[in-house]
Amino acid sequence: MSGVWVFKNGVVRLENPGTESMERSGQKKMLVHVPSNEVITNYGVLESKLMELGWERYYDDPDLLQFHKRSTVHLISLPKEFRKFKSMHMYDIVVKNRNMFEVRDM
């Protein structure tokens, strides 16, 4: 995975220009929970999988859906609306939860 880590508005995120250009060209991605082989189709499913892994909801920003894991410094920040959930958010989840999630082509 390649890209650039960007610090903006108090949030660090990985921007992956190649992935964003694939999304614009119509190549869609999906996030898959590896142990169950379940495709993440909404935030309810994602939240339950993250909670099982020790992540907690973080309610600091009303414009974002955020999760924090107490044993780490990691913070997952997602757009409030699932339809705005992009591959850059998926890759952030994959990096912070090794071997538990993967991003696949649809």
PDB file of N, CA and C in Angstrom:
ATOM      1  N   MET A   1       0.853  -1.161   0.000  1.00  0.00           N
ATOM      2  CA  MET A   1       0.000   0.000   0.000  1.00  0.00           C
ATOM      3  C   MET A   1       0.903   1.230   0.000  1.00  0.00           C
ATOM      4  N   SER A   2       0.621   2.160  -0.885  1.00  0.00           N
ATOM      5  CA  SER A   2       1.402   3.377  -0.939  1.00  0.00           C
ATOM      6  C   SER A   2       0.494   4.566  -0.695  1.00  0.00           C
ATOM      7  N   GLY A   3       1.097   5.674  -0.384  1.00  0.00           N
ATOM      8  CA  GLY A   3       0.323   6.876  -0.131  1.00  0.00           C
ATOM      9  C   GLY A   3       1.114   7.832   0.722  1.00  0.00           C
ATOM     10  N   VAL A   4       0.438   8.854   1.185  1.00  0.00           N
ATOM     11  CA  VAL A   4       1.068   9.888   1.996  1.00  0.00           C
ATOM     12  C   VAL A   4       0.232  10.103   3.251  1.00  0.00           C
ATOM     13  N   TRP A   5       0.901  10.116   4.410  1.00  0.00           N
ATOM     14  CA  TRP A   5       0.207  10.416   5.660  1.00  0.00           C
ATOM     15  C   TRP A   5       0.039  11.922   5.754  1.00  0.00           C
ATOM     16  N   VAL A   6      -1.183  12.382   6.001  1.00  0.00           N
ATOM     17  CA  VAL A   6      -1.500  13.809   6.051  1.00  0.00           C
ATOM     18  C   VAL A   6      -2.104  14.131   7.406  1.00  0.00           C
ATOM     19  N   PHE A   7      -1.621  15.202   8.040  1.00  0.00           N
ATOM     20  CA  PHE A   7      -2.172  15.672   9.306  1.00  0.00           C
ATOM     21  C   PHE A   7      -3.017  16.896   8.992  1.00  0.00           C
ATOM     22  N   LYS A   8      -4.338  16.797   9.235  1.00  0.00           N
ATOM     23  CA  LYS A   8      -5.244  17.896   8.918  1.00  0.00           C
ATOM     24  C   LYS A   8      -6.359  17.944   9.956  1.00  0.00           C
ATOM     25  N   ASN A   9      -6.606  19.103  10.527  1.00  0.00           N
ATOM     26  CA  ASN A   9      -7.664  19.305  11.519  1.00  0.00           C
ATOM     27  C   ASN A   9      -7.553  18.330  12.692  1.00  0.00           C
ATOM     28  N   GLY A  10      -6.340  18.062  13.124  1.00  0.00           N
ATOM     29  CA  GLY A  10      -6.123  17.196  14.276  1.00  0.00           C
ATOM     30  C   GLY A  10      -6.241  15.720  13.994  1.00  0.00           C
ATOM     31  N   VAL A  11      -6.351  15.334  12.721  1.00  0.00           N
ATOM     32  CA  VAL A  11      -6.498  13.926  12.359  1.00  0.00           C
ATOM     33  C   VAL A  11      -5.395  13.548  11.375  1.00  0.00           C
ATOM     34  N   VAL A  12      -4.745  12.420  11.617  1.00  0.00           N
ATOM     35  CA  VAL A  12      -3.753  11.892  10.694  1.00  0.00           C
ATOM     36  C   VAL A  12      -4.434  10.821   9.870  1.00  0.00           C
ATOM     37  N   ARG A  13      -4.244  10.893   8.538  1.00  0.00           N
ATOM     38  CA  ARG A  13      -4.842   9.871   7.687  1.00  0.00           C
ATOM     39  C   ARG A  13      -3.928   9.598   6.506  1.00  0.00           C
ATOM     40  N   LEU A  14      -4.092   8.423   5.945  1.00  0.00           N
ATOM     41  CA  LEU A  14      -3.321   8.021   4.786  1.00  0.00           C
ATOM     42  C   LEU A  14      -4.107   8.367   3.536  1.00  0.00           C
ATOM     43  N   GLU A  15      -3.526   9.212   2.710  1.00  0.00           N
ATOM     44  CA  GLU A  15      -4.159   9.539   1.445  1.00  0.00           C
ATOM     45  C   GLU A  15      -3.475   8.700   0.383  1.00  0.00           C
ATOM     46  N   ASN A  16      -4.280   8.001  -0.372  1.00  0.00           N
ATOM     47  CA  ASN A  16      -3.761   7.094  -1.372  1.00  0.00           C
ATOM     48  C   ASN A  16      -4.283   7.522  -2.741  1.00  0.00           C
ATOM     49  N   PRO A  17      -3.531   8.355  -3.470  1.00  0.00           N
ATOM     50  CA  PRO A  17      -4.030   8.891  -4.735  1.00  0.00           C
ATOM     51  C   PRO A  17      -4.402   7.812  -5.737  1.00  0.00           C
ATOM     52  N   GLY A  18      -3.664   6.718  -5.795  1.00  0.00           N
ATOM     53  CA  GLY A  18      -3.976   5.646  -6.735  1.00  0.00           C
ATOM     54  C   GLY A  18      -5.332   5.033  -6.466  1.00  0.00           C
ATOM     55  N   THR A  19      -5.665   4.819  -5.212  1.00  0.00           N
ATOM     56  CA  THR A  19      -6.943   4.234  -4.844  1.00  0.00           C
ATOM     57  C   THR A  19      -8.085   5.169  -5.167  1.00  0.00           C
ATOM     58  N   GLU A  20      -7.899   6.460  -4.879  1.00  0.00           N
ATOM     59  CA  GLU A  20      -8.953   7.421  -5.173  1.00  0.00           C
ATOM     60  C   GLU A  20      -9.221   7.511  -6.670  1.00  0.00           C
ATOM     61  N   SER A  21      -8.167   7.419  -7.491  1.00  0.00           N
ATOM     62  CA  SER A  21      -8.381   7.473  -8.937  1.00  0.00           C
ATOM     63  C   SER A  21      -9.101   6.230  -9.423  1.00  0.00           C
ATOM     64  N   MET A  22      -8.864   5.063  -8.786  1.00  0.00           N
ATOM     65  CA  MET A  22      -9.601   3.849  -9.145  1.00  0.00           C
ATOM     66  C   MET A  22     -11.078   4.010  -8.822  1.00  0.00           C
ATOM     67  N   GLU A  23     -11.385   4.638  -7.693  1.00  0.00           N
ATOM     68  CA  GLU A  23     -12.783   4.853  -7.326  1.00  0.00           C
ATOM     69  C   GLU A  23     -13.470   5.766  -8.327  1.00  0.00           C
ATOM     70  N   ARG A  24     -12.766   6.805  -8.765  1.00  0.00           N
ATOM     71  CA  ARG A  24     -13.347   7.724  -9.732  1.00  0.00           C
ATOM     72  C   ARG A  24     -13.581   7.045 -11.070  1.00  0.00           C
ATOM     73  N   SER A  25     -12.738   6.066 -11.418  1.00  0.00           N
ATOM     74  CA  SER A  25     -12.890   5.379 -12.696  1.00  0.00           C
ATOM     75  C   SER A  25     -13.961   4.289 -12.637  1.00  0.00           C
ATOM     76  N   GLY A  26     -14.580   4.093 -11.480  1.00  0.00           N
ATOM     77  CA  GLY A  26     -15.668   3.137 -11.355  1.00  0.00           C
ATOM     78  C   GLY A  26     -15.273   1.815 -10.726  1.00  0.00           C
ATOM     79  N   GLN A  27     -13.994   1.615 -10.413  1.00  0.00           N
ATOM     80  CA  GLN A  27     -13.570   0.371  -9.783  1.00  0.00           C
ATOM     81  C   GLN A  27     -13.872   0.473  -8.287  1.00  0.00           C
ATOM     82  N   LYS A  28     -14.869  -0.268  -7.828  1.00  0.00           N
ATOM     83  CA  LYS A  28     -15.324  -0.188  -6.440  1.00  0.00           C
ATOM     84  C   LYS A  28     -14.573  -1.184  -5.562  1.00  0.00           C
ATOM     85  N   LYS A  29     -14.477  -0.834  -4.303  1.00  0.00           N
ATOM     86  CA  LYS A  29     -13.823  -1.665  -3.299  1.00  0.00           C
ATOM     87  C   LYS A  29     -14.825  -2.024  -2.215  1.00  0.00           C
ATOM     88  N   MET A  30     -14.556  -3.101  -1.501  1.00  0.00           N
ATOM     89  CA  MET A  30     -15.383  -3.482  -0.363  1.00  0.00           C
ATOM     90  C   MET A  30     -14.473  -3.920   0.773  1.00  0.00           C
ATOM     91  N   LEU A  31     -14.935  -3.668   1.994  1.00  0.00           N
ATOM     92  CA  LEU A  31     -14.214  -4.069   3.192  1.00  0.00           C
ATOM     93  C   LEU A  31     -14.781  -5.403   3.658  1.00  0.00           C
ATOM     94  N   VAL A  32     -13.889  -6.356   3.921  1.00  0.00           N
ATOM     95  CA  VAL A  32     -14.307  -7.699   4.322  1.00  0.00           C
ATOM     96  C   VAL A  32     -13.693  -8.042   5.676  1.00  0.00           C
ATOM     97  N   HIS A  33     -14.518  -8.555   6.586  1.00  0.00           N
ATOM     98  CA  HIS A  33     -14.043  -9.068   7.871  1.00  0.00           C
ATOM     99  C   HIS A  33     -13.528 -10.480   7.598  1.00  0.00           C
ATOM    100  N   VAL A  34     -12.214 -10.677   7.691  1.00  0.00           N
ATOM    101  CA  VAL A  34     -11.568 -11.922   7.262  1.00  0.00           C
ATOM    102  C   VAL A  34     -12.038 -13.149   8.041  1.00  0.00           C
ATOM    103  N   PRO A  35     -12.076 -13.134   9.390  1.00  0.00           N
ATOM    104  CA  PRO A  35     -12.468 -14.356  10.100  1.00  0.00           C
ATOM    105  C   PRO A  35     -13.850 -14.894   9.710  1.00  0.00           C
ATOM    106  N   SER A  36     -14.792 -14.015   9.441  1.00  0.00           N
ATOM    107  CA  SER A  36     -16.145 -14.460   9.092  1.00  0.00           C
ATOM    108  C   SER A  36     -16.411 -14.394   7.584  1.00  0.00           C
ATOM    109  N   ASN A  37     -15.475 -13.817   6.826  1.00  0.00           N
ATOM    110  CA  ASN A  37     -15.626 -13.593   5.383  1.00  0.00           C
ATOM    111  C   ASN A  37     -16.872 -12.762   5.073  1.00  0.00           C
ATOM    112  N   GLU A  38     -17.247 -11.880   6.009  1.00  0.00           N
ATOM    113  CA  GLU A  38     -18.448 -11.051   5.874  1.00  0.00           C
ATOM    114  C   GLU A  38     -18.085  -9.688   5.289  1.00  0.00           C
ATOM    115  N   VAL A  39     -18.841  -9.268   4.285  1.00  0.00           N
ATOM    116  CA  VAL A  39     -18.658  -7.950   3.692  1.00  0.00           C
ATOM    117  C   VAL A  39     -19.310  -6.923   4.613  1.00  0.00           C
ATOM    118  N   ILE A  40     -18.597  -5.841   4.877  1.00  0.00           N
ATOM    119  CA  ILE A  40     -19.124  -4.771   5.724  1.00  0.00           C
ATOM    120  C   ILE A  40     -20.047  -3.915   4.852  1.00  0.00           C
ATOM    121  N   THR A  41     -21.344  -3.997   5.128  1.00  0.00           N
ATOM    122  CA  THR A  41     -22.343  -3.321   4.301  1.00  0.00           C
ATOM    123  C   THR A  41     -22.952  -2.088   4.965  1.00  0.00           C
ATOM    124  N   ASN A  42     -22.652  -1.888   6.262  1.00  0.00           N
ATOM    125  CA  ASN A  42     -23.157  -0.709   6.965  1.00  0.00           C
ATOM    126  C   ASN A  42     -22.338  -0.506   8.236  1.00  0.00           C
ATOM    127  N   TYR A  43     -22.521   0.645   8.856  1.00  0.00           N
ATOM    128  CA  TYR A  43     -21.748   0.959  10.058  1.00  0.00           C
ATOM    129  C   TYR A  43     -22.136   0.090  11.256  1.00  0.00           C
ATOM    130  N   GLY A  44     -23.352  -0.394  11.306  1.00  0.00           N
ATOM    131  CA  GLY A  44     -23.756  -1.269  12.406  1.00  0.00           C
ATOM    132  C   GLY A  44     -22.918  -2.538  12.429  1.00  0.00           C
ATOM    133  N   VAL A  45     -22.733  -3.134  11.261  1.00  0.00           N
ATOM    134  CA  VAL A  45     -21.914  -4.351  11.146  1.00  0.00           C
ATOM    135  C   VAL A  45     -20.471  -4.030  11.495  1.00  0.00           C
ATOM    136  N   LEU A  46     -19.949  -2.925  10.956  1.00  0.00           N
ATOM    137  CA  LEU A  46     -18.569  -2.544  11.234  1.00  0.00           C
ATOM    138  C   LEU A  46     -18.355  -2.270  12.714  1.00  0.00           C
ATOM    139  N   GLU A  47     -19.281  -1.551  13.336  1.00  0.00           N
ATOM    140  CA  GLU A  47     -19.135  -1.235  14.757  1.00  0.00           C
ATOM    141  C   GLU A  47     -19.101  -2.497  15.608  1.00  0.00           C
ATOM    142  N   SER A  48     -19.938  -3.468  15.308  1.00  0.00           N
ATOM    143  CA  SER A  48     -19.939  -4.707  16.103  1.00  0.00           C
ATOM    144  C   SER A  48     -18.623  -5.465  15.944  1.00  0.00           C
ATOM    145  N   LYS A  49     -18.068  -5.482  14.739  1.00  0.00           N
ATOM    146  CA  LYS A  49     -16.778  -6.164  14.511  1.00  0.00           C
ATOM    147  C   LYS A  49     -15.652  -5.430  15.234  1.00  0.00           C
ATOM    148  N   LEU A  50     -15.663  -4.108  15.180  1.00  0.00           N
ATOM    149  CA  LEU A  50     -14.621  -3.344  15.869  1.00  0.00           C
ATOM    150  C   LEU A  50     -14.726  -3.488  17.379  1.00  0.00           C
ATOM    151  N   MET A  51     -15.943  -3.492  17.903  1.00  0.00           N
ATOM    152  CA  MET A  51     -16.136  -3.658  19.359  1.00  0.00           C
ATOM    153  C   MET A  51     -15.591  -5.010  19.819  1.00  0.00           C
ATOM    154  N   GLU A  52     -15.797  -6.048  19.008  1.00  0.00           N
ATOM    155  CA  GLU A  52     -15.256  -7.371  19.342  1.00  0.00           C
ATOM    156  C   GLU A  52     -13.735  -7.350  19.437  1.00  0.00           C
ATOM    157  N   LEU A  53     -13.110  -6.424  18.714  1.00  0.00           N
ATOM    158  CA  LEU A  53     -11.649  -6.313  18.700  1.00  0.00           C
ATOM    159  C   LEU A  53     -11.119  -5.328  19.739  1.00  0.00           C
ATOM    160  N   GLY A  54     -12.009  -4.798  20.582  1.00  0.00           N
ATOM    161  CA  GLY A  54     -11.584  -3.906  21.651  1.00  0.00           C
ATOM    162  C   GLY A  54     -11.674  -2.425  21.347  1.00  0.00           C
ATOM    163  N   TRP A  55     -12.262  -2.061  20.220  1.00  0.00           N
ATOM    164  CA  TRP A  55     -12.446  -0.650  19.878  1.00  0.00           C
ATOM    165  C   TRP A  55     -13.670  -0.107  20.594  1.00  0.00           C
ATOM    166  N   GLU A  56     -13.629   1.166  20.962  1.00  0.00           N
ATOM    167  CA  GLU A  56     -14.743   1.839  21.624  1.00  0.00           C
ATOM    168  C   GLU A  56     -15.150   3.053  20.818  1.00  0.00           C
ATOM    169  N   ARG A  57     -16.448   3.367  20.855  1.00  0.00           N
ATOM    170  CA  ARG A  57     -16.915   4.598  20.185  1.00  0.00           C
ATOM    171  C   ARG A  57     -16.323   5.797  20.890  1.00  0.00           C
ATOM    172  N   TYR A  58     -15.972   6.786  20.123  1.00  0.00           N
ATOM    173  CA  TYR A  58     -15.393   8.029  20.603  1.00  0.00           C
ATOM    174  C   TYR A  58     -16.314   9.136  20.112  1.00  0.00           C
ATOM    175  N   TYR A  59     -16.906   9.901  21.017  1.00  0.00           N
ATOM    176  CA  TYR A  59     -17.956  10.860  20.672  1.00  0.00           C
ATOM    177  C   TYR A  59     -17.475  12.307  20.671  1.00  0.00           C
ATOM    178  N   ASP A  60     -16.210  12.552  20.371  1.00  0.00           N
ATOM    179  CA  ASP A  60     -15.655  13.896  20.449  1.00  0.00           C
ATOM    180  C   ASP A  60     -16.095  14.807  19.308  1.00  0.00           C
ATOM    181  N   ASP A  61     -16.302  14.255  18.114  1.00  0.00           N
ATOM    182  CA  ASP A  61     -16.640  15.067  16.940  1.00  0.00           C
ATOM    183  C   ASP A  61     -18.002  14.632  16.396  1.00  0.00           C
ATOM    184  N   PRO A  62     -19.011  15.505  16.444  1.00  0.00           N
ATOM    185  CA  PRO A  62     -20.353  15.122  15.994  1.00  0.00           C
ATOM    186  C   PRO A  62     -20.455  14.892  14.481  1.00  0.00           C
ATOM    187  N   ASP A  63     -19.450  15.334  13.721  1.00  0.00           N
ATOM    188  CA  ASP A  63     -19.483  15.168  12.268  1.00  0.00           C
ATOM    189  C   ASP A  63     -18.819  13.876  11.794  1.00  0.00           C
ATOM    190  N   LEU A  64     -18.227  13.139  12.723  1.00  0.00           N
ATOM    191  CA  LEU A  64     -17.514  11.910  12.373  1.00  0.00           C
ATOM    192  C   LEU A  64     -17.964  10.752  13.243  1.00  0.00           C
ATOM    193  N   LEU A  65     -17.819   9.561  12.717  1.00  0.00           N
ATOM    194  CA  LEU A  65     -17.980   8.340  13.494  1.00  0.00           C
ATOM    195  C   LEU A  65     -16.558   7.906  13.832  1.00  0.00           C
ATOM    196  N   GLN A  66     -16.225   7.887  15.123  1.00  0.00           N
ATOM    197  CA  GLN A  66     -14.853   7.605  15.519  1.00  0.00           C
ATOM    198  C   GLN A  66     -14.779   6.450  16.510  1.00  0.00           C
ATOM    199  N   PHE A  67     -13.670   5.710  16.403  1.00  0.00           N
ATOM    200  CA  PHE A  67     -13.404   4.584  17.293  1.00  0.00           C
ATOM    201  C   PHE A  67     -11.983   4.714  17.817  1.00  0.00           C
ATOM    202  N   HIS A  68     -11.824   4.383  19.096  1.00  0.00           N
ATOM    203  CA  HIS A  68     -10.513   4.441  19.753  1.00  0.00           C
ATOM    204  C   HIS A  68     -10.268   3.114  20.460  1.00  0.00           C
ATOM    205  N   LYS A  69      -9.023   2.670  20.431  1.00  0.00           N
ATOM    206  CA  LYS A  69      -8.636   1.454  21.144  1.00  0.00           C
ATOM    207  C   LYS A  69      -7.733   1.869  22.293  1.00  0.00           C
ATOM    208  N   ARG A  70      -8.164   1.611  23.516  1.00  0.00           N
ATOM    209  CA  ARG A  70      -7.447   2.091  24.709  1.00  0.00           C
ATOM    210  C   ARG A  70      -5.992   1.666  24.755  1.00  0.00           C
ATOM    211  N   SER A  71      -5.690   0.473  24.289  1.00  0.00           N
ATOM    212  CA  SER A  71      -4.325  -0.041  24.389  1.00  0.00           C
ATOM    213  C   SER A  71      -3.391   0.546  23.327  1.00  0.00           C
ATOM    214  N   THR A  72      -3.915   1.440  22.470  1.00  0.00           N
ATOM    215  CA  THR A  72      -3.103   2.033  21.404  1.00  0.00           C
ATOM    216  C   THR A  72      -3.358   3.540  21.326  1.00  0.00           C
ATOM    217  N   VAL A  73      -2.653   4.187  20.435  1.00  0.00           N
ATOM    218  CA  VAL A  73      -2.892   5.601  20.158  1.00  0.00           C
ATOM    219  C   VAL A  73      -3.764   5.761  18.914  1.00  0.00           C
ATOM    220  N   HIS A  74      -4.227   4.649  18.357  1.00  0.00           N
ATOM    221  CA  HIS A  74      -4.981   4.680  17.100  1.00  0.00           C
ATOM    222  C   HIS A  74      -6.389   5.250  17.270  1.00  0.00           C
ATOM    223  N   LEU A  75      -6.794   5.982  16.265  1.00  0.00           N
ATOM    224  CA  LEU A  75      -8.144   6.524  16.175  1.00  0.00           C
ATOM    225  C   LEU A  75      -8.629   6.283  14.749  1.00  0.00           C
ATOM    226  N   ILE A  76      -9.789   5.693  14.607  1.00  0.00           N
ATOM    227  CA  ILE A  76     -10.399   5.498  13.297  1.00  0.00           C
ATOM    228  C   ILE A  76     -11.481   6.559  13.147  1.00  0.00           C
ATOM    229  N   SER A  77     -11.362   7.391  12.125  1.00  0.00           N
ATOM    230  CA  SER A  77     -12.334   8.447  11.861  1.00  0.00           C
ATOM    231  C   SER A  77     -13.017   8.177  10.530  1.00  0.00           C
ATOM    232  N   LEU A  78     -14.341   8.116  10.565  1.00  0.00           N
ATOM    233  CA  LEU A  78     -15.132   7.803   9.378  1.00  0.00           C
ATOM    234  C   LEU A  78     -16.185   8.871   9.159  1.00  0.00           C
ATOM    235  N   PRO A  79     -16.598   9.072   7.907  1.00  0.00           N
ATOM    236  CA  PRO A  79     -17.686  10.024   7.663  1.00  0.00           C
ATOM    237  C   PRO A  79     -18.976   9.509   8.285  1.00  0.00           C
ATOM    238  N   LYS A  80     -19.845  10.413   8.727  1.00  0.00           N
ATOM    239  CA  LYS A  80     -21.110  10.019   9.369  1.00  0.00           C
ATOM    240  C   LYS A  80     -21.972   9.133   8.467  1.00  0.00           C
ATOM    241  N   GLU A  81     -21.979   9.433   7.167  1.00  0.00           N
ATOM    242  CA  GLU A  81     -22.822   8.704   6.229  1.00  0.00           C
ATOM    243  C   GLU A  81     -22.035   7.569   5.586  1.00  0.00           C
ATOM    244  N   PHE A  82     -22.589   6.358   5.620  1.00  0.00           N
ATOM    245  CA  PHE A  82     -21.904   5.191   5.083  1.00  0.00           C
ATOM    246  C   PHE A  82     -21.649   5.333   3.586  1.00  0.00           C
ATOM    247  N   ARG A  83     -22.507   6.041   2.870  1.00  0.00           N
ATOM    248  CA  ARG A  83     -22.317   6.200   1.425  1.00  0.00           C
ATOM    249  C   ARG A  83     -21.051   6.997   1.102  1.00  0.00           C
ATOM    250  N   LYS A  84     -20.499   7.696   2.084  1.00  0.00           N
ATOM    251  CA  LYS A  84     -19.256   8.449   1.896  1.00  0.00           C
ATOM    252  C   LYS A  84     -18.034   7.656   2.368  1.00  0.00           C
ATOM    253  N   PHE A  85     -18.240   6.419   2.765  1.00  0.00           N
ATOM    254  CA  PHE A  85     -17.191   5.515   3.228  1.00  0.00           C
ATOM    255  C   PHE A  85     -16.368   5.075   2.018  1.00  0.00           C
ATOM    256  N   LYS A  86     -15.141   5.552   1.906  1.00  0.00           N
ATOM    257  CA  LYS A  86     -14.278   5.327   0.742  1.00  0.00           C
ATOM    258  C   LYS A  86     -13.179   4.322   1.060  1.00  0.00           C
ATOM    259  N   SER A  87     -12.453   3.932   0.027  1.00  0.00           N
ATOM    260  CA  SER A  87     -11.391   2.950   0.207  1.00  0.00           C
ATOM    261  C   SER A  87     -10.289   3.459   1.129  1.00  0.00           C
ATOM    262  N   MET A  88     -10.047   4.766   1.183  1.00  0.00           N
ATOM    263  CA  MET A  88      -9.019   5.272   2.110  1.00  0.00           C
ATOM    264  C   MET A  88      -9.410   4.988   3.558  1.00  0.00           C
ATOM    265  N   HIS A  89     -10.707   5.013   3.858  1.00  0.00           N
ATOM    266  CA  HIS A  89     -11.178   4.672   5.202  1.00  0.00           C
ATOM    267  C   HIS A  89     -11.012   3.168   5.437  1.00  0.00           C
ATOM    268  N   MET A  90     -11.300   2.386   4.407  1.00  0.00           N
ATOM    269  CA  MET A  90     -11.155   0.932   4.514  1.00  0.00           C
ATOM    270  C   MET A  90      -9.707   0.553   4.801  1.00  0.00           C
ATOM    271  N   TYR A  91      -8.768   1.161   4.059  1.00  0.00           N
ATOM    272  CA  TYR A  91      -7.359   0.844   4.267  1.00  0.00           C
ATOM    273  C   TYR A  91      -6.889   1.274   5.650  1.00  0.00           C
ATOM    274  N   ASP A  92      -7.435   2.352   6.184  1.00  0.00           N
ATOM    275  CA  ASP A  92      -7.096   2.783   7.535  1.00  0.00           C
ATOM    276  C   ASP A  92      -7.505   1.710   8.549  1.00  0.00           C
ATOM    277  N   ILE A  93      -8.678   1.129   8.359  1.00  0.00           N
ATOM    278  CA  ILE A  93      -9.157   0.059   9.238  1.00  0.00           C
ATOM    279  C   ILE A  93      -8.272  -1.177   9.109  1.00  0.00           C
ATOM    280  N   VAL A  94      -7.893  -1.503   7.883  1.00  0.00           N
ATOM    281  CA  VAL A  94      -7.036  -2.676   7.642  1.00  0.00           C
ATOM    282  C   VAL A  94      -5.694  -2.511   8.335  1.00  0.00           C
ATOM    283  N   VAL A  95      -5.077  -1.342   8.202  1.00  0.00           N
ATOM    284  CA  VAL A  95      -3.761  -1.097   8.796  1.00  0.00           C
ATOM    285  C   VAL A  95      -3.818  -1.184  10.317  1.00  0.00           C
ATOM    286  N   LYS A  96      -4.903  -0.740  10.909  1.00  0.00           N
ATOM    287  CA  LYS A  96      -5.014  -0.711  12.371  1.00  0.00           C
ATOM    288  C   LYS A  96      -5.572  -2.001  12.962  1.00  0.00           C
ATOM    289  N   ASN A  97      -5.930  -2.951  12.092  1.00  0.00           N
ATOM    290  CA  ASN A  97      -6.469  -4.242  12.542  1.00  0.00           C
ATOM    291  C   ASN A  97      -5.903  -5.361  11.667  1.00  0.00           C
ATOM    292  N   ARG A  98      -4.606  -5.541  11.747  1.00  0.00           N
ATOM    293  CA  ARG A  98      -3.915  -6.519  10.913  1.00  0.00           C
ATOM    294  C   ARG A  98      -4.583  -7.892  10.962  1.00  0.00           C
ATOM    295  N   ASN A  99      -4.713  -8.503   9.799  1.00  0.00           N
ATOM    296  CA  ASN A  99      -5.246  -9.863   9.629  1.00  0.00           C
ATOM    297  C   ASN A  99      -6.729 -10.003   9.974  1.00  0.00           C
ATOM    298  N   MET A 100      -7.410  -8.913  10.273  1.00  0.00           N
ATOM    299  CA  MET A 100      -8.822  -8.997  10.622  1.00  0.00           C
ATOM    300  C   MET A 100      -9.734  -8.475   9.508  1.00  0.00           C
ATOM    301  N   PHE A 101      -9.221  -7.548   8.709  1.00  0.00           N
ATOM    302  CA  PHE A 101      -9.991  -6.978   7.607  1.00  0.00           C
ATOM    303  C   PHE A 101      -9.123  -6.949   6.361  1.00  0.00           C
ATOM    304  N   GLU A 102      -9.758  -6.980   5.198  1.00  0.00           N
ATOM    305  CA  GLU A 102      -9.072  -6.741   3.933  1.00  0.00           C
ATOM    306  C   GLU A 102      -9.976  -5.957   3.009  1.00  0.00           C
ATOM    307  N   VAL A 103      -9.347  -5.279   2.062  1.00  0.00           N
ATOM    308  CA  VAL A 103     -10.076  -4.540   1.036  1.00  0.00           C
ATOM    309  C   VAL A 103      -9.997  -5.374  -0.240  1.00  0.00           C
ATOM    310  N   ARG A 104     -11.150  -5.618  -0.833  1.00  0.00           N
ATOM    311  CA  ARG A 104     -11.224  -6.412  -2.064  1.00  0.00           C
ATOM    312  C   ARG A 104     -11.965  -5.633  -3.144  1.00  0.00           C
ATOM    313  N   ASP A 105     -11.675  -5.985  -4.385  1.00  0.00           N
ATOM    314  CA  ASP A 105     -12.423  -5.441  -5.511  1.00  0.00           C
ATOM    315  C   ASP A 105     -13.804  -6.050  -5.533  1.00  0.00           C
ATOM    316  N   MET A 106     -14.791  -5.249  -5.934  1.00  0.00           N
ATOM    317  CA  MET A 106     -16.161  -5.763  -6.046  1.00  0.00           C
ATOM    318  C   MET A 106     -16.332  -6.503  -7.352  1.00  0.00           C
TER     319      MET A 106
END
